[in-house]
Amino acid sequence: MKDSEEFYKKLKAQLADTALWPTTYLYKFIVPTEDDKIQQIEAIFDNLGAVISTKQSKNGKYTSVSINVRMKNPDQVILKYKEVAEKVEGVISL
């Protein structure tokens, strides 16, 4: 857990330095190809005006989920990463 806190701290600093907020942010996640996992991610970004696209891996075992969405600030970006990590089992955040 300590590693992920360090990751989020670094990410927040990078986001604060590299963008003018609010801005459009691109999330990328990899999940096992299961409809419920993909729907869980989509539900987390529901009602935010997000543009969501999915693409299956060659063998179909995994699906990448890309989410383009306007976020208010780095804290909001990180909250969504944490929410996805907490609610979607087996997700990899990129």
PDB file of N, CA and C in Angstrom:
ATOM      1  N   MET A   1       0.836  -1.203   0.000  1.00  0.00           N
ATOM      2  CA  MET A   1       0.000   0.000   0.000  1.00  0.00           C
ATOM      3  C   MET A   1       0.878   1.263   0.000  1.00  0.00           C
ATOM      4  N   LYS A   2       2.020   1.181   0.708  1.00  0.00           N
ATOM      5  CA  LYS A   2       2.909   2.328   0.773  1.00  0.00           C
ATOM      6  C   LYS A   2       3.414   2.706  -0.625  1.00  0.00           C
ATOM      7  N   ASP A   3       3.729   1.694  -1.443  1.00  0.00           N
ATOM      8  CA  ASP A   3       4.188   1.943  -2.808  1.00  0.00           C
ATOM      9  C   ASP A   3       3.161   2.709  -3.619  1.00  0.00           C
ATOM     10  N   SER A   4       1.885   2.317  -3.486  1.00  0.00           N
ATOM     11  CA  SER A   4       0.853   2.994  -4.263  1.00  0.00           C
ATOM     12  C   SER A   4       0.675   4.440  -3.788  1.00  0.00           C
ATOM     13  N   GLU A   5       0.838   4.686  -2.495  1.00  0.00           N
ATOM     14  CA  GLU A   5       0.733   6.065  -2.002  1.00  0.00           C
ATOM     15  C   GLU A   5       1.858   6.922  -2.581  1.00  0.00           C
ATOM     16  N   GLU A   6       3.038   6.346  -2.660  1.00  0.00           N
ATOM     17  CA  GLU A   6       4.185   7.050  -3.249  1.00  0.00           C
ATOM     18  C   GLU A   6       3.930   7.327  -4.730  1.00  0.00           C
ATOM     19  N   PHE A   7       3.367   6.326  -5.420  1.00  0.00           N
ATOM     20  CA  PHE A   7       3.024   6.479  -6.836  1.00  0.00           C
ATOM     21  C   PHE A   7       2.049   7.643  -7.020  1.00  0.00           C
ATOM     22  N   TYR A   8       0.999   7.682  -6.197  1.00  0.00           N
ATOM     23  CA  TYR A   8      -0.010   8.740  -6.329  1.00  0.00           C
ATOM     24  C   TYR A   8       0.565  10.112  -6.008  1.00  0.00           C
ATOM     25  N   LYS A   9       1.478  10.152  -5.051  1.00  0.00           N
ATOM     26  CA  LYS A   9       2.119  11.417  -4.694  1.00  0.00           C
ATOM     27  C   LYS A   9       2.931  11.962  -5.881  1.00  0.00           C
ATOM     28  N   LYS A  10       3.701  11.076  -6.523  1.00  0.00           N
ATOM     29  CA  LYS A  10       4.489  11.466  -7.697  1.00  0.00           C
ATOM     30  C   LYS A  10       3.586  11.867  -8.851  1.00  0.00           C
ATOM     31  N   LEU A  11       2.522  11.081  -9.060  1.00  0.00           N
ATOM     32  CA  LEU A  11       1.585  11.381 -10.142  1.00  0.00           C
ATOM     33  C   LEU A  11       0.953  12.759  -9.938  1.00  0.00           C
ATOM     34  N   LYS A  12       0.567  13.049  -8.713  1.00  0.00           N
ATOM     35  CA  LYS A  12      -0.061  14.349  -8.426  1.00  0.00           C
ATOM     36  C   LYS A  12       0.901  15.493  -8.767  1.00  0.00           C
ATOM     37  N   ALA A  13       2.153  15.342  -8.388  1.00  0.00           N
ATOM     38  CA  ALA A  13       3.150  16.378  -8.677  1.00  0.00           C
ATOM     39  C   ALA A  13       3.337  16.536 -10.183  1.00  0.00           C
ATOM     40  N   GLN A  14       3.405  15.414 -10.903  1.00  0.00           N
ATOM     41  CA  GLN A  14       3.563  15.470 -12.362  1.00  0.00           C
ATOM     42  C   GLN A  14       2.358  16.144 -13.011  1.00  0.00           C
ATOM     43  N   LEU A  15       1.177  15.766 -12.576  1.00  0.00           N
ATOM     44  CA  LEU A  15      -0.043  16.346 -13.159  1.00  0.00           C
ATOM     45  C   LEU A  15      -0.117  17.846 -12.895  1.00  0.00           C
ATOM     46  N   ALA A  16       0.259  18.245 -11.696  1.00  0.00           N
ATOM     47  CA  ALA A  16       0.214  19.666 -11.341  1.00  0.00           C
ATOM     48  C   ALA A  16       1.198  20.471 -12.187  1.00  0.00           C
ATOM     49  N   ASP A  17       2.330  19.845 -12.530  1.00  0.00           N
ATOM     50  CA  ASP A  17       3.372  20.543 -13.292  1.00  0.00           C
ATOM     51  C   ASP A  17       3.134  20.563 -14.792  1.00  0.00           C
ATOM     52  N   THR A  18       2.373  19.612 -15.305  1.00  0.00           N
ATOM     53  CA  THR A  18       2.315  19.449 -16.763  1.00  0.00           C
ATOM     54  C   THR A  18       1.009  19.874 -17.416  1.00  0.00           C
ATOM     55  N   ALA A  19       0.023  20.270 -16.643  1.00  0.00           N
ATOM     56  CA  ALA A  19      -1.251  20.619 -17.265  1.00  0.00           C
ATOM     57  C   ALA A  19      -1.882  21.818 -16.584  1.00  0.00           C
ATOM     58  N   LEU A  20      -2.669  22.529 -17.363  1.00  0.00           N
ATOM     59  CA  LEU A  20      -3.496  23.595 -16.804  1.00  0.00           C
ATOM     60  C   LEU A  20      -4.858  22.988 -16.508  1.00  0.00           C
ATOM     61  N   TRP A  21      -5.302  23.142 -15.293  1.00  0.00           N
ATOM     62  CA  TRP A  21      -6.550  22.493 -14.863  1.00  0.00           C
ATOM     63  C   TRP A  21      -7.698  23.472 -14.891  1.00  0.00           C
ATOM     64  N   PRO A  22      -8.940  23.029 -15.172  1.00  0.00           N
ATOM     65  CA  PRO A  22      -9.323  21.673 -15.577  1.00  0.00           C
ATOM     66  C   PRO A  22      -8.815  21.322 -16.971  1.00  0.00           C
ATOM     67  N   THR A  23      -8.627  20.011 -17.194  1.00  0.00           N
ATOM     68  CA  THR A  23      -8.126  19.540 -18.484  1.00  0.00           C
ATOM     69  C   THR A  23      -8.684  18.152 -18.786  1.00  0.00           C
ATOM     70  N   THR A  24      -8.556  17.742 -20.036  1.00  0.00           N
ATOM     71  CA  THR A  24      -8.970  16.396 -20.419  1.00  0.00           C
ATOM     72  C   THR A  24      -7.830  15.439 -20.089  1.00  0.00           C
ATOM     73  N   TYR A  25      -8.173  14.345 -19.431  1.00  0.00           N
ATOM     74  CA  TYR A  25      -7.179  13.366 -18.997  1.00  0.00           C
ATOM     75  C   TYR A  25      -7.512  12.009 -19.619  1.00  0.00           C
ATOM     76  N   LEU A  26      -6.493  11.284 -20.017  1.00  0.00           N
ATOM     77  CA  LEU A  26      -6.681   9.953 -20.597  1.00  0.00           C
ATOM     78  C   LEU A  26      -6.266   8.888 -19.593  1.00  0.00           C
ATOM     79  N   TYR A  27      -7.260   8.124 -19.147  1.00  0.00           N
ATOM     80  CA  TYR A  27      -6.997   6.966 -18.283  1.00  0.00           C
ATOM     81  C   TYR A  27      -6.853   5.742 -19.169  1.00  0.00           C
ATOM     82  N   LYS A  28      -5.967   4.824 -18.768  1.00  0.00           N
ATOM     83  CA  LYS A  28      -5.869   3.539 -19.455  1.00  0.00           C
ATOM     84  C   LYS A  28      -5.821   2.441 -18.400  1.00  0.00           C
ATOM     85  N   PHE A  29      -6.683   1.460 -18.602  1.00  0.00           N
ATOM     86  CA  PHE A  29      -6.740   0.316 -17.698  1.00  0.00           C
ATOM     87  C   PHE A  29      -6.707  -0.961 -18.515  1.00  0.00           C
ATOM     88  N   ILE A  30      -6.151  -2.015 -17.927  1.00  0.00           N
ATOM     89  CA  ILE A  30      -6.193  -3.348 -18.525  1.00  0.00           C
ATOM     90  C   ILE A  30      -6.944  -4.236 -17.541  1.00  0.00           C
ATOM     91  N   VAL A  31      -7.943  -4.957 -18.050  1.00  0.00           N
ATOM     92  CA  VAL A  31      -8.704  -5.880 -17.197  1.00  0.00           C
ATOM     93  C   VAL A  31      -8.861  -7.212 -17.915  1.00  0.00           C
ATOM     94  N   PRO A  32      -9.030  -8.281 -17.122  1.00  0.00           N
ATOM     95  CA  PRO A  32      -9.389  -9.549 -17.766  1.00  0.00           C
ATOM     96  C   PRO A  32     -10.688  -9.323 -18.553  1.00  0.00           C
ATOM     97  N   THR A  33     -10.805  -9.954 -19.711  1.00  0.00           N
ATOM     98  CA  THR A  33     -11.979  -9.744 -20.554  1.00  0.00           C
ATOM     99  C   THR A  33     -13.203 -10.399 -19.922  1.00  0.00           C
ATOM    100  N   GLU A  34     -13.891  -9.618 -19.107  1.00  0.00           N
ATOM    101  CA  GLU A  34     -15.139 -10.034 -18.471  1.00  0.00           C
ATOM    102  C   GLU A  34     -16.047  -8.814 -18.482  1.00  0.00           C
ATOM    103  N   ASP A  35     -17.243  -8.980 -19.018  1.00  0.00           N
ATOM    104  CA  ASP A  35     -18.156  -7.850 -19.168  1.00  0.00           C
ATOM    105  C   ASP A  35     -18.387  -7.089 -17.870  1.00  0.00           C
ATOM    106  N   ASP A  36     -18.506  -7.821 -16.753  1.00  0.00           N
ATOM    107  CA  ASP A  36     -18.796  -7.130 -15.498  1.00  0.00           C
ATOM    108  C   ASP A  36     -17.649  -6.215 -15.075  1.00  0.00           C
ATOM    109  N   LYS A  37     -16.414  -6.613 -15.330  1.00  0.00           N
ATOM    110  CA  LYS A  37     -15.266  -5.767 -14.960  1.00  0.00           C
ATOM    111  C   LYS A  37     -15.236  -4.501 -15.821  1.00  0.00           C
ATOM    112  N   ILE A  38     -15.497  -4.648 -17.102  1.00  0.00           N
ATOM    113  CA  ILE A  38     -15.523  -3.495 -18.007  1.00  0.00           C
ATOM    114  C   ILE A  38     -16.664  -2.565 -17.609  1.00  0.00           C
ATOM    115  N   GLN A  39     -17.821  -3.140 -17.294  1.00  0.00           N
ATOM    116  CA  GLN A  39     -18.968  -2.324 -16.872  1.00  0.00           C
ATOM    117  C   GLN A  39     -18.706  -1.609 -15.548  1.00  0.00           C
ATOM    118  N   GLN A  40     -17.954  -2.250 -14.648  1.00  0.00           N
ATOM    119  CA  GLN A  40     -17.616  -1.605 -13.374  1.00  0.00           C
ATOM    120  C   GLN A  40     -16.802  -0.332 -13.632  1.00  0.00           C
ATOM    121  N   ILE A  41     -15.829  -0.430 -14.529  1.00  0.00           N
ATOM    122  CA  ILE A  41     -15.009   0.746 -14.851  1.00  0.00           C
ATOM    123  C   ILE A  41     -15.875   1.824 -15.491  1.00  0.00           C
ATOM    124  N   GLU A  42     -16.706   1.416 -16.449  1.00  0.00           N
ATOM    125  CA  GLU A  42     -17.577   2.392 -17.119  1.00  0.00           C
ATOM    126  C   GLU A  42     -18.486   3.088 -16.119  1.00  0.00           C
ATOM    127  N   ALA A  43     -19.001   2.349 -15.143  1.00  0.00           N
ATOM    128  CA  ALA A  43     -19.904   2.919 -14.143  1.00  0.00           C
ATOM    129  C   ALA A  43     -19.200   3.975 -13.284  1.00  0.00           C
ATOM    130  N   ILE A  44     -17.921   3.762 -12.996  1.00  0.00           N
ATOM    131  CA  ILE A  44     -17.161   4.711 -12.178  1.00  0.00           C
ATOM    132  C   ILE A  44     -17.051   6.066 -12.884  1.00  0.00           C
ATOM    133  N   PHE A  45     -17.020   6.045 -14.219  1.00  0.00           N
ATOM    134  CA  PHE A  45     -16.894   7.287 -14.985  1.00  0.00           C
ATOM    135  C   PHE A  45     -18.226   7.759 -15.563  1.00  0.00           C
ATOM    136  N   ASP A  46     -19.320   7.110 -15.152  1.00  0.00           N
ATOM    137  CA  ASP A  46     -20.646   7.475 -15.630  1.00  0.00           C
ATOM    138  C   ASP A  46     -20.979   8.911 -15.219  1.00  0.00           C
ATOM    139  N   ASN A  47     -21.724   9.600 -16.047  1.00  0.00           N
ATOM    140  CA  ASN A  47     -22.187  10.977 -15.777  1.00  0.00           C
ATOM    141  C   ASN A  47     -21.064  12.006 -15.726  1.00  0.00           C
ATOM    142  N   LEU A  48     -19.901  11.691 -16.294  1.00  0.00           N
ATOM    143  CA  LEU A  48     -18.812  12.667 -16.335  1.00  0.00           C
ATOM    144  C   LEU A  48     -18.548  13.135 -17.765  1.00  0.00           C
ATOM    145  N   GLY A  49     -19.355  12.645 -18.707  1.00  0.00           N
ATOM    146  CA  GLY A  49     -19.134  13.003 -20.102  1.00  0.00           C
ATOM    147  C   GLY A  49     -17.906  12.330 -20.677  1.00  0.00           C
ATOM    148  N   ALA A  50     -17.539  11.187 -20.145  1.00  0.00           N
ATOM    149  CA  ALA A  50     -16.339  10.481 -20.580  1.00  0.00           C
ATOM    150  C   ALA A  50     -16.547   9.800 -21.925  1.00  0.00           C
ATOM    151  N   VAL A  51     -15.487   9.791 -22.718  1.00  0.00           N
ATOM    152  CA  VAL A  51     -15.467   9.019 -23.955  1.00  0.00           C
ATOM    153  C   VAL A  51     -14.676   7.752 -23.650  1.00  0.00           C
ATOM    154  N   ILE A  52     -15.358   6.608 -23.751  1.00  0.00           N
ATOM    155  CA  ILE A  52     -14.753   5.337 -23.339  1.00  0.00           C
ATOM    156  C   ILE A  52     -14.621   4.423 -24.552  1.00  0.00           C
ATOM    157  N   SER A  53     -13.426   3.870 -24.730  1.00  0.00           N
ATOM    158  CA  SER A  53     -13.241   2.893 -25.799  1.00  0.00           C
ATOM    159  C   SER A  53     -12.544   1.664 -25.235  1.00  0.00           C
ATOM    160  N   THR A  54     -12.863   0.511 -25.812  1.00  0.00           N
ATOM    161  CA  THR A  54     -12.268  -0.738 -25.354  1.00  0.00           C
ATOM    162  C   THR A  54     -11.657  -1.475 -26.538  1.00  0.00           C
ATOM    163  N   LYS A  55     -10.623  -2.253 -26.232  1.00  0.00           N
ATOM    164  CA  LYS A  55      -9.969  -3.037 -27.277  1.00  0.00           C
ATOM    165  C   LYS A  55      -9.451  -4.329 -26.652  1.00  0.00           C
ATOM    166  N   GLN A  56      -9.839  -5.450 -27.237  1.00  0.00           N
ATOM    167  CA  GLN A  56      -9.387  -6.737 -26.716  1.00  0.00           C
ATOM    168  C   GLN A  56      -7.975  -7.046 -27.186  1.00  0.00           C
ATOM    169  N   SER A  57      -7.249  -7.780 -26.342  1.00  0.00           N
ATOM    170  CA  SER A  57      -5.919  -8.245 -26.736  1.00  0.00           C
ATOM    171  C   SER A  57      -6.059  -9.294 -27.841  1.00  0.00           C
ATOM    172  N   LYS A  58      -4.941  -9.628 -28.482  1.00  0.00           N
ATOM    173  CA  LYS A  58      -4.967 -10.602 -29.586  1.00  0.00           C
ATOM    174  C   LYS A  58      -5.633 -11.920 -29.205  1.00  0.00           C
ATOM    175  N   ASN A  59      -5.286 -12.431 -28.032  1.00  0.00           N
ATOM    176  CA  ASN A  59      -5.851 -13.716 -27.618  1.00  0.00           C
ATOM    177  C   ASN A  59      -7.200 -13.578 -26.904  1.00  0.00           C
ATOM    178  N   GLY A  60      -7.646 -12.326 -26.697  1.00  0.00           N
ATOM    179  CA  GLY A  60      -8.961 -12.099 -26.093  1.00  0.00           C
ATOM    180  C   GLY A  60      -9.012 -12.252 -24.584  1.00  0.00           C
ATOM    181  N   LYS A  61      -7.870 -12.517 -23.951  1.00  0.00           N
ATOM    182  CA  LYS A  61      -7.860 -12.699 -22.495  1.00  0.00           C
ATOM    183  C   LYS A  61      -8.026 -11.391 -21.732  1.00  0.00           C
ATOM    184  N   TYR A  62      -7.517 -10.317 -22.333  1.00  0.00           N
ATOM    185  CA  TYR A  62      -7.555  -9.018 -21.657  1.00  0.00           C
ATOM    186  C   TYR A  62      -8.198  -7.966 -22.548  1.00  0.00           C
ATOM    187  N   THR A  63      -8.726  -6.942 -21.909  1.00  0.00           N
ATOM    188  CA  THR A  63      -9.299  -5.811 -22.628  1.00  0.00           C
ATOM    189  C   THR A  63      -8.683  -4.538 -22.085  1.00  0.00           C
ATOM    190  N   SER A  64      -8.258  -3.656 -22.992  1.00  0.00           N
ATOM    191  CA  SER A  64      -7.793  -2.343 -22.543  1.00  0.00           C
ATOM    192  C   SER A  64      -8.984  -1.393 -22.608  1.00  0.00           C
ATOM    193  N   VAL A  65      -9.100  -0.590 -21.583  1.00  0.00           N
ATOM    194  CA  VAL A  65     -10.182   0.388 -21.495  1.00  0.00           C
ATOM    195  C   VAL A  65      -9.536   1.768 -21.431  1.00  0.00           C
ATOM    196  N   SER A  66      -9.820   2.591 -22.441  1.00  0.00           N
ATOM    197  CA  SER A  66      -9.306   3.961 -22.479  1.00  0.00           C
ATOM    198  C   SER A  66     -10.460   4.911 -22.188  1.00  0.00           C
ATOM    199  N   ILE A  67     -10.206   5.858 -21.310  1.00  0.00           N
ATOM    200  CA  ILE A  67     -11.250   6.803 -20.904  1.00  0.00           C
ATOM    201  C   ILE A  67     -10.705   8.211 -21.020  1.00  0.00           C
ATOM    202  N   ASN A  68     -11.322   8.982 -21.877  1.00  0.00           N
ATOM    203  CA  ASN A  68     -10.955  10.378 -22.066  1.00  0.00           C
ATOM    204  C   ASN A  68     -12.015  11.212 -21.366  1.00  0.00           C
ATOM    205  N   VAL A  69     -11.619  11.970 -20.361  1.00  0.00           N
ATOM    206  CA  VAL A  69     -12.615  12.695 -19.571  1.00  0.00           C
ATOM    207  C   VAL A  69     -12.021  13.982 -19.013  1.00  0.00           C
ATOM    208  N   ARG A  70     -12.836  15.005 -18.937  1.00  0.00           N
ATOM    209  CA  ARG A  70     -12.397  16.289 -18.388  1.00  0.00           C
ATOM    210  C   ARG A  70     -12.423  16.215 -16.869  1.00  0.00           C
ATOM    211  N   MET A  71     -11.274  16.509 -16.254  1.00  0.00           N
ATOM    212  CA  MET A  71     -11.154  16.449 -14.802  1.00  0.00           C
ATOM    213  C   MET A  71     -10.806  17.833 -14.260  1.00  0.00           C
ATOM    214  N   LYS A  72     -11.256  18.110 -13.027  1.00  0.00           N
ATOM    215  CA  LYS A  72     -11.077  19.444 -12.434  1.00  0.00           C
ATOM    216  C   LYS A  72      -9.646  19.712 -11.984  1.00  0.00           C
ATOM    217  N   ASN A  73      -9.008  18.668 -11.403  1.00  0.00           N
ATOM    218  CA  ASN A  73      -7.675  18.865 -10.826  1.00  0.00           C
ATOM    219  C   ASN A  73      -6.981  17.516 -10.615  1.00  0.00           C
ATOM    220  N   PRO A  74      -5.683  17.528 -10.294  1.00  0.00           N
ATOM    221  CA  PRO A  74      -4.957  16.265 -10.073  1.00  0.00           C
ATOM    222  C   PRO A  74      -5.588  15.380  -8.992  1.00  0.00           C
ATOM    223  N   ASP A  75      -6.137  15.976  -7.942  1.00  0.00           N
ATOM    224  CA  ASP A  75      -6.761  15.182  -6.881  1.00  0.00           C
ATOM    225  C   ASP A  75      -7.927  14.361  -7.419  1.00  0.00           C
ATOM    226  N   GLN A  76      -8.715  14.964  -8.303  1.00  0.00           N
ATOM    227  CA  GLN A  76      -9.857  14.257  -8.878  1.00  0.00           C
ATOM    228  C   GLN A  76      -9.378  13.079  -9.743  1.00  0.00           C
ATOM    229  N   VAL A  77      -8.294  13.280 -10.493  1.00  0.00           N
ATOM    230  CA  VAL A  77      -7.712  12.213 -11.315  1.00  0.00           C
ATOM    231  C   VAL A  77      -7.317  11.035 -10.424  1.00  0.00           C
ATOM    232  N   ILE A  78      -6.624  11.330  -9.344  1.00  0.00           N
ATOM    233  CA  ILE A  78      -6.126  10.283  -8.446  1.00  0.00           C
ATOM    234  C   ILE A  78      -7.270   9.570  -7.731  1.00  0.00           C
ATOM    235  N   LEU A  79      -8.309  10.312  -7.351  1.00  0.00           N
ATOM    236  CA  LEU A  79      -9.470   9.682  -6.708  1.00  0.00           C
ATOM    237  C   LEU A  79     -10.081   8.611  -7.606  1.00  0.00           C
ATOM    238  N   LYS A  80     -10.168   8.892  -8.902  1.00  0.00           N
ATOM    239  CA  LYS A  80     -10.740   7.916  -9.838  1.00  0.00           C
ATOM    240  C   LYS A  80      -9.833   6.693  -9.967  1.00  0.00           C
ATOM    241  N   TYR A  81      -8.519   6.901 -10.023  1.00  0.00           N
ATOM    242  CA  TYR A  81      -7.590   5.765 -10.058  1.00  0.00           C
ATOM    243  C   TYR A  81      -7.807   4.879  -8.830  1.00  0.00           C
ATOM    244  N   LYS A  82      -7.904   5.493  -7.669  1.00  0.00           N
ATOM    245  CA  LYS A  82      -8.083   4.741  -6.425  1.00  0.00           C
ATOM    246  C   LYS A  82      -9.417   4.001  -6.421  1.00  0.00           C
ATOM    247  N   GLU A  83     -10.457   4.659  -6.908  1.00  0.00           N
ATOM    248  CA  GLU A  83     -11.786   4.041  -6.940  1.00  0.00           C
ATOM    249  C   GLU A  83     -11.780   2.805  -7.846  1.00  0.00           C
ATOM    250  N   VAL A  84     -11.158   2.919  -9.010  1.00  0.00           N
ATOM    251  CA  VAL A  84     -11.076   1.777  -9.928  1.00  0.00           C
ATOM    252  C   VAL A  84     -10.276   0.650  -9.280  1.00  0.00           C
ATOM    253  N   ALA A  85      -9.121   0.975  -8.688  1.00  0.00           N
ATOM    254  CA  ALA A  85      -8.271  -0.039  -8.057  1.00  0.00           C
ATOM    255  C   ALA A  85      -9.015  -0.768  -6.935  1.00  0.00           C
ATOM    256  N   GLU A  86      -9.848  -0.024  -6.206  1.00  0.00           N
ATOM    257  CA  GLU A  86     -10.582  -0.576  -5.070  1.00  0.00           C
ATOM    258  C   GLU A  86     -11.750  -1.456  -5.511  1.00  0.00           C
ATOM    259  N   LYS A  87     -12.445  -1.048  -6.571  1.00  0.00           N
ATOM    260  CA  LYS A  87     -13.694  -1.711  -6.951  1.00  0.00           C
ATOM    261  C   LYS A  87     -13.554  -2.796  -8.016  1.00  0.00           C
ATOM    262  N   VAL A  88     -12.502  -2.733  -8.836  1.00  0.00           N
ATOM    263  CA  VAL A  88     -12.391  -3.660  -9.953  1.00  0.00           C
ATOM    264  C   VAL A  88     -11.226  -4.630  -9.714  1.00  0.00           C
ATOM    265  N   GLU A  89     -11.585  -5.867  -9.439  1.00  0.00           N
ATOM    266  CA  GLU A  89     -10.576  -6.873  -9.133  1.00  0.00           C
ATOM    267  C   GLU A  89      -9.758  -7.203 -10.380  1.00  0.00           C
ATOM    268  N   GLY A  90      -8.442  -7.278 -10.213  1.00  0.00           N
ATOM    269  CA  GLY A  90      -7.564  -7.677 -11.308  1.00  0.00           C
ATOM    270  C   GLY A  90      -7.229  -6.582 -12.305  1.00  0.00           C
ATOM    271  N   VAL A  91      -7.600  -5.335 -11.988  1.00  0.00           N
ATOM    272  CA  VAL A  91      -7.329  -4.227 -12.923  1.00  0.00           C
ATOM    273  C   VAL A  91      -5.869  -3.795 -12.837  1.00  0.00           C
ATOM    274  N   ILE A  92      -5.336  -3.392 -13.978  1.00  0.00           N
ATOM    275  CA  ILE A  92      -3.998  -2.796 -14.040  1.00  0.00           C
ATOM    276  C   ILE A  92      -4.167  -1.374 -14.553  1.00  0.00           C
ATOM    277  N   SER A  93      -3.677  -0.408 -13.805  1.00  0.00           N
ATOM    278  CA  SER A  93      -3.753   0.992 -14.218  1.00  0.00           C
ATOM    279  C   SER A  93      -2.466   1.372 -14.930  1.00  0.00           C
ATOM    280  N   LEU A  94      -2.602   2.009 -16.070  1.00  0.00           N
ATOM    281  CA  LEU A  94      -1.418   2.443 -16.823  1.00  0.00           C
ATOM    282  C   LEU A  94      -1.281   3.947 -16.772  1.00  0.00           C
TER     283      LEU A  94
END
